[in-house]
Structures are given as C-alpha cells and as structure tokens.
Amino acid sequence: MANTGDEFGEWPLKRLMTEVCGSGPKSADDMSYDQAAEAIRRIFAGEPDPTTLGAFWLANRWKRNTPEELAAYTDEMCERVAYAEPAADPVDCGSNYDGKLRTALLGVGAGIVAAAAGTPVVAHSGDRVPTQKGCAYKHVLDELGVRTELSPDESADMVDETGFGFYYQPAFNPAVHDLLDRRDRMGVRTFVNTIETLANPANADVHLGSFYHLAFAKKVTDTFERSERHDLRRVIMFQGMEGYDDIRPGYTKVAEWTEGAFTDYEIETPNYGMDFENEDLEVPRDDVAGASARITEDVLSGEREDHFADAVALNAAFRIYAREDAEDLEAGLEMARAAVADGSAEATLEALRAF
C-alpha cells in the first residue's frame, strides 16, 4: 500500500524494488520520471537503510537506466549543485570521476592547450572516487602546483582569468560527495558514476565526454534532451581510453549531437598525427598522476614532441572543435600546435599556478 503520509511521496525504494524495478534484468519495469526523482531525493536525504539502497543501486545496474530515469536523477542532483557561471563560454569536460589506472591523463594538458588557443575549458572531478579510485583531473593539477580545492566562485574566476577552470566536486556537488562511502561499499559502479559527470557546474552549453559503447553516448544525449535543468546546444563524445575523455589511438567512434540532431562517425587517429597504440601512452601504475604531470609540463613547454605531444594536441583539437572555434579537427589541430609553439600554452600553465 502507498505510504501517502511519507514526506517524500508514495514510492519508498523498497516499494519501487518490489513493484517496479527489482524483479530482475529481464522482468524489471522502468521507472517514470517522477518515481526516479523521488527515489534519488530519498537517497540524497539519507532515508534508505544501507541494504535497501545497495539493492536499489544494483537493480538499476542490472536493469540499465533509461534516459527518463537518468534525467530525473540528474535534475534532482542539479537542484543541489552550487553553480558558478564564468563570463567566458567554456566547454564542459565531464569525464569519469573514478579516474585512470594505466595511461597518462591527457585532459589537463589538452584543456590548457585549448584555452591557450582561445577555447575556454572547464574540468571537474572528485578525489579517489569509487570504484577505480584512479587518477583524475584533481591529482594531475595538484602535481602541477595548481590550486584545486576551490569554491565554485573561485573556479569561475579561474576560467575567466586563465581560460581553464577546475571545479572540485565536494565544493560544488556536496550531495553526491556525501554518498562516497556508500558507493565505495558497493564495490561496483552505480548510476551516480554517470550523473556526476553531467553536473556541468559552469552551466556551459557545450559538453565533451566519452563512452565505451555508442549506445551509451546516445543515452547521454537523450538524457540531456529530457533533462529539465540542462539547455545544451552541442555534445561531443568519443571512445576514450579507460572510459576517460582522452581519445584512444587507432579507430575511434565519435558521436555528435547539435541542437537535437544526433550523428556518429569514425576517425582514424593516425590521420591526425597519432600513429601509435594505447600501450604507448601507458605510464607507471604507481605514479599515474606524477607521470601525467611531467608529461604535461614537457608538452606545454615544447620540450616534448613525441606521441604524447601529438595526443595532447589532438585532444585539444577536439575541445576547440566542440565549441566550434574550428570548423574541423584539422583546423583545431593547427590551432593547438600553434598555441604550444608560440609559448601560449606554457604561459597559461604559469597563469594557473599563479591563480
């Protein structure tokens, strides 16, 4: 029977499990927007007991969430996000918060190069987020001597002063940060790992992300379309290394969504200067952050002109192209390499360190 006296509504997580989404991968039903919204309101309030919460997260994982459900989760999260919009109009980089474990994190260098070329970029992440607890944006920036534990307003100022800005999850998205321990105890990814990447704390109208499978990219764009909190005009997603927003060498699938129109295509990265394999971008597993920072410094200074430099330049080109500051990747690549060659990229890093 519905608990109509409940402060949240009629759908406690246990009822959703027994009547809607908890009967198994093949027989479970999808939730409505309102049901999913109520569920995550309860989660953010700490209402479900640990067993029920874990069961609900697992049921969502085996059932697979619909864009309708993800939009509800995202919108309720965004109601709790502390937004700080810079005067600049940046590209929002929403990579997986649980980080990388094997390959260099190139997004910091790529974002700085893009910023130096005239494309403002925002990155956001947490600190050792489950399940991988790998190397994320924060850790590379820390190694580079750039402040990361900023208030949202400071992050917005960083974007306007340097062209690149970092938003720290505990500061702008405390509701999700407060779930960290419970997520860690789960031991597997949950839908929270997806929605936290869609927080968009700078309220940008261009999103850049990554996917393992094309169907996920389509689900993300459908989520943005259904969302009542987002008003994006453009989304670029590609098959990233380790699920991160670093494009993988070789054959790569790209998805584009612009004002409601979705398309996908393939690129061959050797055509853009990436004539090497994923293994060539690996770094010591016990020092991913430190190695990534050293690589970033060397690339931005122009001292490094190897495959890492090519990879940073191409990832910067994707950011430039995403914002439509270049008509295609070739033009973006030229802009990225010019920003390194003329010293602008290195100067942007120094501005970030001085911020």
Protein backbone atom coordinates (compact mmCIF):
# COMPACT_ATOMS: atom_id res chain seq x y z
CA MET A 1 0.00 0.00 0.00
CA ALA A 2 1.23 3.50 -0.77
CA ASN A 3 2.65 5.41 2.14
CA THR A 4 0.79 8.64 1.38
CA GLY A 5 1.90 10.23 4.62
CA ASP A 6 5.56 10.00 3.70
CA GLU A 7 7.27 13.38 3.35
CA PHE A 8 8.81 12.31 0.03
CA GLY A 9 5.78 10.81 -1.69
CA GLU A 10 4.37 7.35 -2.38
CA TRP A 11 7.44 5.47 -3.58
CA PRO A 12 9.96 4.35 -0.96
CA LEU A 13 12.88 2.48 -2.51
CA LYS A 14 11.62 -0.83 -1.13
CA ARG A 15 8.27 -0.36 -2.87
CA LEU A 16 10.00 0.56 -6.12
CA MET A 17 12.05 -2.61 -5.80
CA THR A 18 9.11 -4.91 -5.19
CA GLU A 19 6.64 -3.34 -7.62
CA VAL A 20 8.75 -1.81 -10.41
CA CYS A 21 12.45 -2.23 -10.93
CA GLY A 22 13.72 -5.02 -8.69
CA SER A 23 12.45 -8.23 -10.24
CA GLY A 24 15.50 -8.96 -12.40
CA PRO A 25 17.23 -7.93 -15.63
CA LYS A 26 14.54 -9.35 -17.93
CA SER A 27 11.34 -8.75 -16.00
CA ALA A 28 12.00 -5.40 -14.30
CA ASP A 29 9.99 -2.38 -15.41
CA ASP A 30 11.35 1.10 -15.93
CA MET A 31 10.51 3.89 -13.55
CA SER A 32 8.70 7.05 -14.52
CA TYR A 33 10.48 10.39 -14.24
CA ASP A 34 8.58 11.17 -11.03
CA GLN A 35 9.35 7.80 -9.46
CA ALA A 36 13.07 8.11 -10.20
CA ALA A 37 13.10 11.69 -8.94
CA GLU A 38 11.51 10.65 -5.66
CA ALA A 39 13.97 7.79 -5.30
CA ILE A 40 17.03 9.97 -5.54
CA ARG A 41 15.51 12.64 -3.28
CA ARG A 42 15.27 9.93 -0.65
CA ILE A 43 18.86 8.86 -1.33
CA PHE A 44 20.22 12.39 -1.01
CA ALA A 45 18.30 12.80 2.25
CA GLY A 46 19.88 9.62 3.65
CA GLU A 47 16.46 7.99 4.12
CA PRO A 48 17.02 4.44 2.77
CA ASP A 49 18.74 1.90 5.01
CA PRO A 50 22.07 0.61 3.60
CA THR A 51 20.65 -2.75 2.48
CA THR A 52 17.76 -1.21 0.56
CA LEU A 53 19.99 1.42 -1.02
CA GLY A 54 22.51 -1.17 -2.16
CA ALA A 55 19.75 -3.34 -3.60
CA PHE A 56 18.26 -0.38 -5.46
CA TRP A 57 21.60 0.62 -6.94
CA LEU A 58 22.26 -2.94 -8.03
CA ALA A 59 18.77 -3.29 -9.53
CA ASN A 60 19.37 -0.13 -11.55
CA ARG A 61 22.65 -1.59 -12.76
CA TRP A 62 21.23 -4.90 -13.96
CA LYS A 63 18.07 -3.29 -15.37
CA ARG A 64 20.01 -0.49 -17.10
CA ASN A 65 18.66 3.00 -16.71
CA THR A 66 16.57 4.78 -19.31
CA PRO A 67 17.21 8.40 -20.32
CA GLU A 68 13.99 9.26 -18.47
CA GLU A 69 15.37 7.85 -15.22
CA LEU A 70 18.81 9.37 -15.72
CA ALA A 71 17.25 12.76 -16.46
CA ALA A 72 15.29 12.60 -13.19
CA TYR A 73 18.41 11.64 -11.24
CA THR A 74 20.42 14.37 -12.97
CA ASP A 75 17.80 17.06 -12.42
CA GLU A 76 17.49 16.29 -8.71
CA MET A 77 21.28 16.36 -8.41
CA CYS A 78 21.44 19.67 -10.25
CA GLU A 79 18.93 21.17 -7.80
CA ARG A 80 21.69 20.70 -5.21
CA VAL A 81 24.68 21.81 -7.32
CA ALA A 82 26.28 25.16 -6.49
CA TYR A 83 26.60 26.69 -9.95
CA ALA A 84 29.14 29.38 -10.73
CA GLU A 85 28.99 30.56 -14.31
CA PRO A 86 32.06 32.32 -15.70
CA ALA A 87 31.77 35.22 -18.13
CA ALA A 88 33.54 33.05 -20.68
CA ASP A 89 31.55 30.40 -22.52
CA PRO A 90 33.54 27.22 -21.84
CA VAL A 91 33.44 23.62 -22.96
CA ASP A 92 32.33 21.40 -20.08
CA CYS A 93 34.56 18.31 -19.80
CA GLY A 94 32.63 15.67 -17.88
CA SER A 95 34.96 12.71 -17.75
CA ASN A 96 34.57 9.68 -15.49
CA TYR A 97 35.35 10.74 -11.95
CA ASP A 98 36.81 7.39 -10.92
CA GLY A 99 39.88 8.12 -12.98
CA LYS A 100 42.58 6.29 -14.92
CA LEU A 101 44.86 3.48 -13.79
CA ARG A 102 47.20 2.72 -16.71
CA THR A 103 47.56 5.53 -19.24
CA ALA A 104 48.59 9.15 -18.87
CA LEU A 105 45.80 11.59 -18.14
CA LEU A 106 46.00 13.99 -21.08
CA GLY A 107 42.93 16.13 -20.39
CA VAL A 108 44.76 18.69 -18.28
CA GLY A 109 47.31 19.35 -21.00
CA ALA A 110 44.63 19.27 -23.70
CA GLY A 111 42.44 21.70 -21.80
CA ILE A 112 45.28 24.12 -21.20
CA VAL A 113 46.35 24.00 -24.85
CA ALA A 114 42.77 24.61 -25.98
CA ALA A 115 42.48 27.52 -23.55
CA ALA A 116 45.71 28.98 -24.89
CA ALA A 117 44.29 28.68 -28.41
CA GLY A 118 41.19 30.66 -27.40
CA THR A 119 38.71 27.95 -26.31
CA PRO A 120 37.79 28.22 -22.61
CA VAL A 121 37.61 24.82 -20.92
CA VAL A 122 36.15 23.61 -17.62
CA ALA A 123 37.05 20.29 -16.00
CA HIS A 124 35.54 18.82 -12.84
CA SER A 125 36.27 15.80 -10.70
CA GLY A 126 36.38 14.42 -7.20
CA ASP A 127 39.19 12.80 -5.24
CA ARG A 128 39.67 8.99 -5.39
CA VAL A 129 36.10 8.33 -6.41
CA PRO A 130 34.87 4.70 -6.38
CA THR A 131 35.11 2.28 -7.97
CA GLN A 132 38.56 2.63 -9.54
CA LYS A 133 39.77 5.45 -7.28
CA GLY A 134 42.18 6.24 -10.09
CA CYS A 135 43.98 9.35 -11.27
CA ALA A 136 41.59 12.20 -12.06
CA TYR A 137 41.94 15.84 -13.09
CA LYS A 138 42.48 16.97 -9.50
CA HIS A 139 45.52 14.78 -8.98
CA VAL A 140 47.39 15.95 -12.09
CA LEU A 141 46.63 19.59 -11.30
CA ASP A 142 47.84 19.06 -7.72
CA GLU A 143 51.11 17.63 -9.06
CA LEU A 144 51.47 20.67 -11.32
CA GLY A 145 51.09 23.06 -8.40
CA VAL A 146 47.66 24.34 -9.44
CA ARG A 147 45.07 25.02 -6.73
CA THR A 148 42.16 22.58 -6.88
CA GLU A 149 40.24 22.89 -3.63
CA LEU A 150 38.38 25.99 -4.75
CA SER A 151 34.93 27.39 -4.10
CA PRO A 152 32.69 27.41 -7.18
CA ASP A 153 33.06 31.18 -7.50
CA GLU A 154 36.85 30.84 -7.43
CA SER A 155 36.63 28.18 -10.12
CA ALA A 156 34.61 30.53 -12.32
CA ASP A 157 37.19 33.27 -11.75
CA MET A 158 39.93 30.81 -12.75
CA VAL A 159 38.20 30.25 -16.09
CA ASP A 160 37.88 33.96 -16.76
CA GLU A 161 41.46 34.75 -15.74
CA THR A 162 43.26 31.87 -17.42
CA GLY A 163 40.88 30.21 -19.88
CA PHE A 164 40.95 26.92 -17.95
CA GLY A 165 39.00 26.21 -14.78
CA PHE A 166 38.73 23.31 -12.35
CA TYR A 167 35.62 22.66 -10.25
CA TYR A 168 36.02 20.38 -7.22
CA GLN A 169 33.12 18.05 -6.51
CA PRO A 170 32.95 18.43 -2.70
CA ALA A 171 32.59 22.19 -3.18
CA PHE A 172 30.01 22.33 -5.98
CA ASN A 173 28.22 18.99 -5.58
CA PRO A 174 28.17 18.11 -1.87
CA ALA A 175 25.05 15.95 -2.17
CA VAL A 176 26.88 13.47 -4.39
CA HIS A 177 30.13 13.78 -2.44
CA ASP A 178 28.26 12.73 0.71
CA LEU A 179 27.47 9.38 -0.96
CA LEU A 180 31.14 8.49 -1.41
CA ASP A 181 31.37 5.99 1.45
CA ARG A 182 28.19 4.15 0.48
CA ARG A 183 29.32 3.96 -3.14
CA ASP A 184 32.67 2.59 -2.02
CA ARG A 185 30.97 -0.16 -0.04
CA MET A 186 29.01 -1.23 -3.14
CA GLY A 187 32.16 -2.28 -4.97
CA VAL A 188 30.62 -1.68 -8.41
CA ARG A 189 29.69 1.35 -10.46
CA THR A 190 26.22 2.81 -9.98
CA PHE A 191 24.20 5.36 -11.90
CA VAL A 192 25.79 8.02 -9.68
CA ASN A 193 29.03 7.49 -11.64
CA THR A 194 27.12 8.57 -14.73
CA ILE A 195 25.15 11.53 -13.44
CA GLU A 196 28.04 13.18 -11.58
CA THR A 197 29.77 13.69 -14.94
CA LEU A 198 26.68 15.59 -16.16
CA ALA A 199 26.64 18.15 -13.33
CA ASN A 200 28.00 20.94 -15.59
CA PRO A 201 28.91 23.29 -12.70
CA ALA A 202 29.85 26.18 -15.01
CA ASN A 203 26.48 25.97 -16.79
CA ALA A 204 28.22 25.58 -20.15
CA ASP A 205 26.22 24.95 -23.31
CA VAL A 206 28.79 22.56 -24.82
CA HIS A 207 29.60 19.19 -23.24
CA LEU A 208 32.51 16.90 -24.08
CA GLY A 209 32.55 13.37 -22.73
CA SER A 210 33.47 9.79 -23.51
CA PHE A 211 31.90 6.36 -23.82
CA TYR A 212 32.75 2.68 -24.07
CA HIS A 213 29.86 1.90 -26.42
CA LEU A 214 27.99 4.15 -28.84
CA ALA A 215 24.63 3.26 -27.28
CA PHE A 216 25.78 4.99 -24.09
CA ALA A 217 26.59 8.20 -25.97
CA LYS A 218 23.06 8.20 -27.42
CA LYS A 219 21.65 7.59 -23.95
CA VAL A 220 23.56 10.60 -22.61
CA THR A 221 22.31 12.93 -25.33
CA ASP A 222 18.76 11.64 -24.80
CA THR A 223 19.22 12.31 -21.09
CA PHE A 224 20.26 15.89 -21.79
CA GLU A 225 17.24 16.33 -24.06
CA ARG A 226 14.87 15.05 -21.38
CA SER A 227 16.53 17.00 -18.57
CA GLU A 228 14.69 19.99 -17.18
CA ARG A 229 17.91 21.50 -15.83
CA HIS A 230 20.16 21.48 -18.90
CA ASP A 231 19.93 23.59 -22.03
CA LEU A 232 22.87 22.37 -24.08
CA ARG A 233 23.31 23.20 -27.73
CA ARG A 234 26.10 20.75 -28.51
CA VAL A 235 27.55 17.48 -27.18
CA ILE A 236 30.68 15.73 -28.47
CA MET A 237 31.54 12.27 -27.17
CA PHE A 238 34.13 9.71 -28.25
CA GLN A 239 35.54 6.35 -27.26
CA GLY A 240 38.02 7.40 -24.63
CA MET A 241 40.94 5.49 -23.15
CA GLU A 242 39.82 3.78 -19.94
CA GLY A 243 36.46 5.47 -20.43
CA TYR A 244 38.08 8.86 -19.88
CA ASP A 245 37.97 11.95 -22.09
CA ASP A 246 41.32 11.12 -23.72
CA ILE A 247 40.74 9.86 -27.23
CA ARG A 248 42.18 6.43 -27.94
CA PRO A 249 44.68 5.87 -30.77
CA GLY A 250 43.57 3.97 -33.85
CA TYR A 251 39.97 3.53 -34.94
CA THR A 252 37.73 5.77 -32.83
CA LYS A 253 33.99 6.24 -32.87
CA VAL A 254 32.73 9.80 -32.35
CA ALA A 255 29.19 10.93 -31.53
CA GLU A 256 27.91 14.44 -32.12
CA TRP A 257 24.65 15.99 -31.00
CA THR A 258 23.84 19.55 -32.02
CA GLU A 259 20.51 21.12 -31.14
CA GLY A 260 18.62 17.85 -31.35
CA ALA A 261 20.41 16.24 -34.29
CA PHE A 262 22.47 13.14 -33.48
CA THR A 263 25.12 11.66 -35.74
CA ASP A 264 28.08 9.34 -35.35
CA TYR A 265 31.15 8.63 -37.43
CA GLU A 266 34.60 7.07 -37.26
CA ILE A 267 38.02 8.64 -37.41
CA GLU A 268 41.43 7.07 -37.92
CA THR A 269 43.69 8.85 -35.47
CA PRO A 270 46.92 8.19 -37.49
CA ASN A 271 45.49 10.69 -39.97
CA TYR A 272 45.79 13.30 -37.22
CA GLY A 273 49.30 12.51 -36.03
CA MET A 274 48.54 9.65 -33.62
CA ASP A 275 50.41 6.79 -35.31
CA PHE A 276 50.84 4.64 -32.18
CA GLU A 277 48.89 2.36 -29.85
CA ASN A 278 47.23 2.64 -26.45
CA GLU A 279 50.21 0.89 -24.87
CA ASP A 280 52.46 3.73 -25.99
CA LEU A 281 50.55 6.09 -23.70
CA GLU A 282 50.92 3.93 -20.60
CA VAL A 283 52.76 5.24 -17.54
CA PRO A 284 53.86 3.56 -14.28
CA ARG A 285 50.74 2.42 -12.46
CA ASP A 286 52.06 3.59 -9.12
CA ASP A 287 52.63 7.14 -10.41
CA VAL A 288 49.94 7.97 -12.97
CA ALA A 289 49.40 11.47 -11.57
CA GLY A 290 53.08 12.35 -11.30
CA ALA A 291 53.97 10.95 -14.71
CA SER A 292 50.98 12.69 -16.30
CA ALA A 293 52.03 15.99 -14.76
CA ARG A 294 55.60 15.67 -16.01
CA ILE A 295 54.39 14.79 -19.48
CA THR A 296 52.02 17.77 -19.42
CA GLU A 297 54.81 20.16 -18.44
CA ASP A 298 57.12 18.88 -21.16
CA VAL A 299 54.44 19.03 -23.83
CA LEU A 300 53.31 22.54 -22.92
CA SER A 301 56.87 23.85 -22.88
CA GLY A 302 57.54 22.36 -26.31
CA GLU A 303 60.32 20.16 -24.96
CA ARG A 304 58.41 17.02 -25.85
CA GLU A 305 57.46 16.37 -29.50
CA ASP A 306 56.65 12.66 -29.35
CA HIS A 307 53.42 10.68 -29.34
CA PHE A 308 52.34 12.29 -26.06
CA ALA A 309 52.58 15.72 -27.68
CA ASP A 310 50.53 14.50 -30.64
CA ALA A 311 47.91 13.01 -28.34
CA VAL A 312 47.60 16.20 -26.27
CA ALA A 313 47.30 18.29 -29.43
CA LEU A 314 44.54 16.08 -30.87
CA ASN A 315 42.61 16.08 -27.62
CA ALA A 316 42.91 19.86 -27.51
CA ALA A 317 41.62 19.96 -31.09
CA PHE A 318 38.50 18.06 -30.00
CA ARG A 319 37.81 20.71 -27.37
CA ILE A 320 38.35 23.51 -29.88
CA TYR A 321 36.13 21.78 -32.43
CA ALA A 322 33.44 21.01 -29.83
CA ARG A 323 32.95 24.73 -29.20
CA GLU A 324 33.04 25.35 -32.95
CA ASP A 325 36.12 27.54 -32.70
CA ALA A 326 37.47 25.46 -35.59
CA GLU A 327 35.43 24.12 -38.48
CA ASP A 328 37.02 20.68 -38.28
CA LEU A 329 39.61 18.68 -36.37
CA GLU A 330 42.39 19.54 -38.83
CA ALA A 331 41.91 23.24 -38.19
CA GLY A 332 41.69 22.63 -34.44
CA LEU A 333 44.90 20.66 -34.54
CA GLU A 334 46.71 23.52 -36.26
CA MET A 335 45.46 25.93 -33.59
CA ALA A 336 46.54 23.59 -30.80
CA ARG A 337 50.05 23.11 -32.16
CA ALA A 338 50.42 26.83 -32.74
CA ALA A 339 49.48 27.53 -29.10
CA VAL A 340 52.33 25.28 -27.97
CA ALA A 341 54.82 26.60 -30.50
CA ASP A 342 54.32 30.28 -29.63
CA GLY A 343 54.55 29.73 -25.87
CA SER A 344 50.89 30.46 -25.12
CA ALA A 345 50.24 27.03 -23.62
CA GLU A 346 53.17 27.24 -21.22
CA ALA A 347 52.10 30.77 -20.24
CA THR A 348 48.58 29.51 -19.49
CA LEU A 349 50.00 26.88 -17.15
CA GLU A 350 52.01 29.55 -15.34
CA ALA A 351 48.87 31.69 -15.02
CA LEU A 352 47.06 28.74 -13.46
CA ARG A 353 49.89 28.23 -10.98
CA ALA A 354 49.76 31.91 -10.06
CA PHE A 355 45.99 31.94 -9.61
